[in-house]
Amino acid sequence: MKSKTITTSLALVLASTLSAAAMCPGKSHQAASCAEGMVWDKTSGTCIEQTMS
């Protein structure tokens, strides 16, 4: 009985860890918004000053 409990607990921990890891692939971050006068630069992954042309 004790080994079944431990095995089940480990399976649940592993499943939750794997599902959490699947939600965050690599280091991709996305800004919700940039400050006024700034725009999101996909290449650098940061907000940069908006240029007027």
N, C-alpha and C. Protein backbone atom coordinates (compact mmCIF):
# COMPACT_ATOMS: atom_id res chain seq x y z
N MET A 1 0.82 -1.20 0.00
CA MET A 1 0.00 0.00 0.00
C MET A 1 0.87 1.26 0.00
N LYS A 2 1.93 1.27 0.79
CA LYS A 2 2.79 2.44 0.89
C LYS A 2 3.50 2.72 -0.43
N SER A 3 3.93 1.67 -1.13
CA SER A 3 4.62 1.87 -2.41
C SER A 3 3.67 2.41 -3.48
N LYS A 4 2.40 2.02 -3.44
CA LYS A 4 1.42 2.55 -4.39
C LYS A 4 1.20 4.04 -4.15
N THR A 5 1.17 4.44 -2.90
CA THR A 5 0.98 5.85 -2.56
C THR A 5 2.17 6.68 -3.03
N ILE A 6 3.37 6.18 -2.79
CA ILE A 6 4.57 6.89 -3.21
C ILE A 6 4.64 6.98 -4.73
N THR A 7 4.33 5.88 -5.42
CA THR A 7 4.36 5.87 -6.88
C THR A 7 3.34 6.84 -7.45
N THR A 8 2.15 6.87 -6.90
CA THR A 8 1.10 7.78 -7.35
C THR A 8 1.50 9.23 -7.11
N SER A 9 2.07 9.50 -5.96
CA SER A 9 2.52 10.86 -5.64
C SER A 9 3.60 11.32 -6.60
N LEU A 10 4.56 10.46 -6.88
CA LEU A 10 5.63 10.81 -7.81
C LEU A 10 5.08 11.05 -9.22
N ALA A 11 4.12 10.23 -9.64
CA ALA A 11 3.52 10.41 -10.96
C ALA A 11 2.79 11.75 -11.05
N LEU A 12 2.09 12.14 -10.00
CA LEU A 12 1.38 13.42 -10.00
C LEU A 12 2.34 14.60 -10.02
N VAL A 13 3.41 14.50 -9.26
CA VAL A 13 4.42 15.57 -9.24
C VAL A 13 5.07 15.69 -10.61
N LEU A 14 5.43 14.58 -11.21
CA LEU A 14 6.05 14.59 -12.53
C LEU A 14 5.10 15.16 -13.57
N ALA A 15 3.85 14.78 -13.53
CA ALA A 15 2.87 15.28 -14.50
C ALA A 15 2.69 16.79 -14.38
N SER A 16 2.61 17.29 -13.16
CA SER A 16 2.43 18.74 -13.00
C SER A 16 3.69 19.51 -13.41
N THR A 17 4.85 18.93 -13.15
CA THR A 17 6.10 19.57 -13.55
C THR A 17 6.21 19.65 -15.07
N LEU A 18 5.88 18.56 -15.73
CA LEU A 18 5.95 18.55 -17.19
C LEU A 18 4.93 19.49 -17.83
N SER A 19 3.75 19.57 -17.26
CA SER A 19 2.75 20.47 -17.83
C SER A 19 3.14 21.93 -17.61
N ALA A 20 3.76 22.24 -16.49
CA ALA A 20 4.22 23.61 -16.24
C ALA A 20 5.36 23.97 -17.18
N ALA A 21 6.24 23.01 -17.44
CA ALA A 21 7.36 23.25 -18.36
C ALA A 21 6.87 23.45 -19.78
N ALA A 22 5.81 22.79 -20.16
CA ALA A 22 5.26 22.92 -21.51
C ALA A 22 4.67 24.31 -21.73
N MET A 23 4.25 24.95 -20.66
CA MET A 23 3.66 26.29 -20.77
C MET A 23 4.72 27.37 -21.00
N CYS A 24 5.98 27.10 -20.67
CA CYS A 24 7.03 28.10 -20.75
C CYS A 24 8.19 27.60 -21.62
N PRO A 25 8.03 27.52 -22.93
CA PRO A 25 9.12 27.01 -23.76
C PRO A 25 10.23 28.05 -23.91
N GLY A 26 11.44 27.67 -23.59
CA GLY A 26 12.59 28.56 -23.76
C GLY A 26 12.50 29.82 -22.95
N LYS A 27 13.01 30.90 -23.52
CA LYS A 27 13.03 32.18 -22.81
C LYS A 27 12.22 33.23 -23.54
N SER A 28 11.14 32.82 -24.18
CA SER A 28 10.34 33.81 -24.90
C SER A 28 9.46 34.57 -23.93
N HIS A 29 9.55 35.87 -23.96
CA HIS A 29 8.73 36.74 -23.13
C HIS A 29 8.01 37.71 -24.06
N GLN A 30 6.86 38.11 -23.64
CA GLN A 30 6.10 39.03 -24.44
C GLN A 30 5.61 40.17 -23.56
N ALA A 31 5.83 41.37 -24.00
CA ALA A 31 5.39 42.53 -23.22
C ALA A 31 3.89 42.72 -23.41
N ALA A 32 3.20 43.00 -22.34
CA ALA A 32 1.78 43.27 -22.42
C ALA A 32 1.56 44.63 -23.08
N SER A 33 2.42 45.57 -22.76
CA SER A 33 2.35 46.88 -23.39
C SER A 33 3.66 47.62 -23.13
N CYS A 34 3.93 48.56 -23.97
CA CYS A 34 5.12 49.41 -23.81
C CYS A 34 4.67 50.79 -23.36
N ALA A 35 5.58 51.54 -22.80
CA ALA A 35 5.27 52.90 -22.36
C ALA A 35 4.91 53.76 -23.56
N GLU A 36 4.25 54.88 -23.30
CA GLU A 36 3.86 55.80 -24.36
C GLU A 36 5.09 56.25 -25.13
N GLY A 37 5.01 56.22 -26.47
CA GLY A 37 6.12 56.61 -27.31
C GLY A 37 7.09 55.47 -27.59
N MET A 38 6.77 54.28 -27.07
CA MET A 38 7.62 53.11 -27.27
C MET A 38 6.82 52.05 -28.03
N VAL A 39 7.53 51.18 -28.74
CA VAL A 39 6.90 50.07 -29.45
C VAL A 39 7.69 48.80 -29.17
N TRP A 40 7.02 47.65 -29.30
CA TRP A 40 7.66 46.36 -29.05
C TRP A 40 8.52 45.97 -30.25
N ASP A 41 9.80 45.69 -29.99
CA ASP A 41 10.72 45.22 -31.02
C ASP A 41 10.88 43.71 -30.87
N LYS A 42 10.34 42.98 -31.83
CA LYS A 42 10.36 41.52 -31.79
C LYS A 42 11.78 40.98 -31.81
N THR A 43 12.66 41.62 -32.56
CA THR A 43 14.04 41.15 -32.71
C THR A 43 14.80 41.18 -31.39
N SER A 44 14.74 42.32 -30.70
CA SER A 44 15.49 42.45 -29.45
C SER A 44 14.69 41.97 -28.24
N GLY A 45 13.36 41.85 -28.41
CA GLY A 45 12.52 41.41 -27.30
C GLY A 45 12.34 42.46 -26.23
N THR A 46 12.43 43.73 -26.62
CA THR A 46 12.28 44.83 -25.66
C THR A 46 11.45 45.95 -26.29
N CYS A 47 11.07 46.90 -25.47
CA CYS A 47 10.41 48.10 -25.97
C CYS A 47 11.49 49.07 -26.44
N ILE A 48 11.26 49.67 -27.60
CA ILE A 48 12.22 50.66 -28.12
C ILE A 48 11.45 51.93 -28.45
N GLU A 49 12.18 53.03 -28.56
CA GLU A 49 11.56 54.31 -28.86
C GLU A 49 10.99 54.30 -30.28
N GLN A 50 9.77 54.77 -30.40
CA GLN A 50 9.10 54.80 -31.71
C GLN A 50 9.68 55.95 -32.51
N THR A 51 10.11 55.68 -33.73
CA THR A 51 10.67 56.73 -34.58
C THR A 51 9.60 57.25 -35.51
N MET A 52 9.59 58.55 -35.70
CA MET A 52 8.64 59.17 -36.61
C MET A 52 9.30 59.31 -37.97
N SER A 53 8.60 58.85 -39.00
CA SER A 53 9.19 58.98 -40.34
C SER A 53 8.26 59.69 -41.29
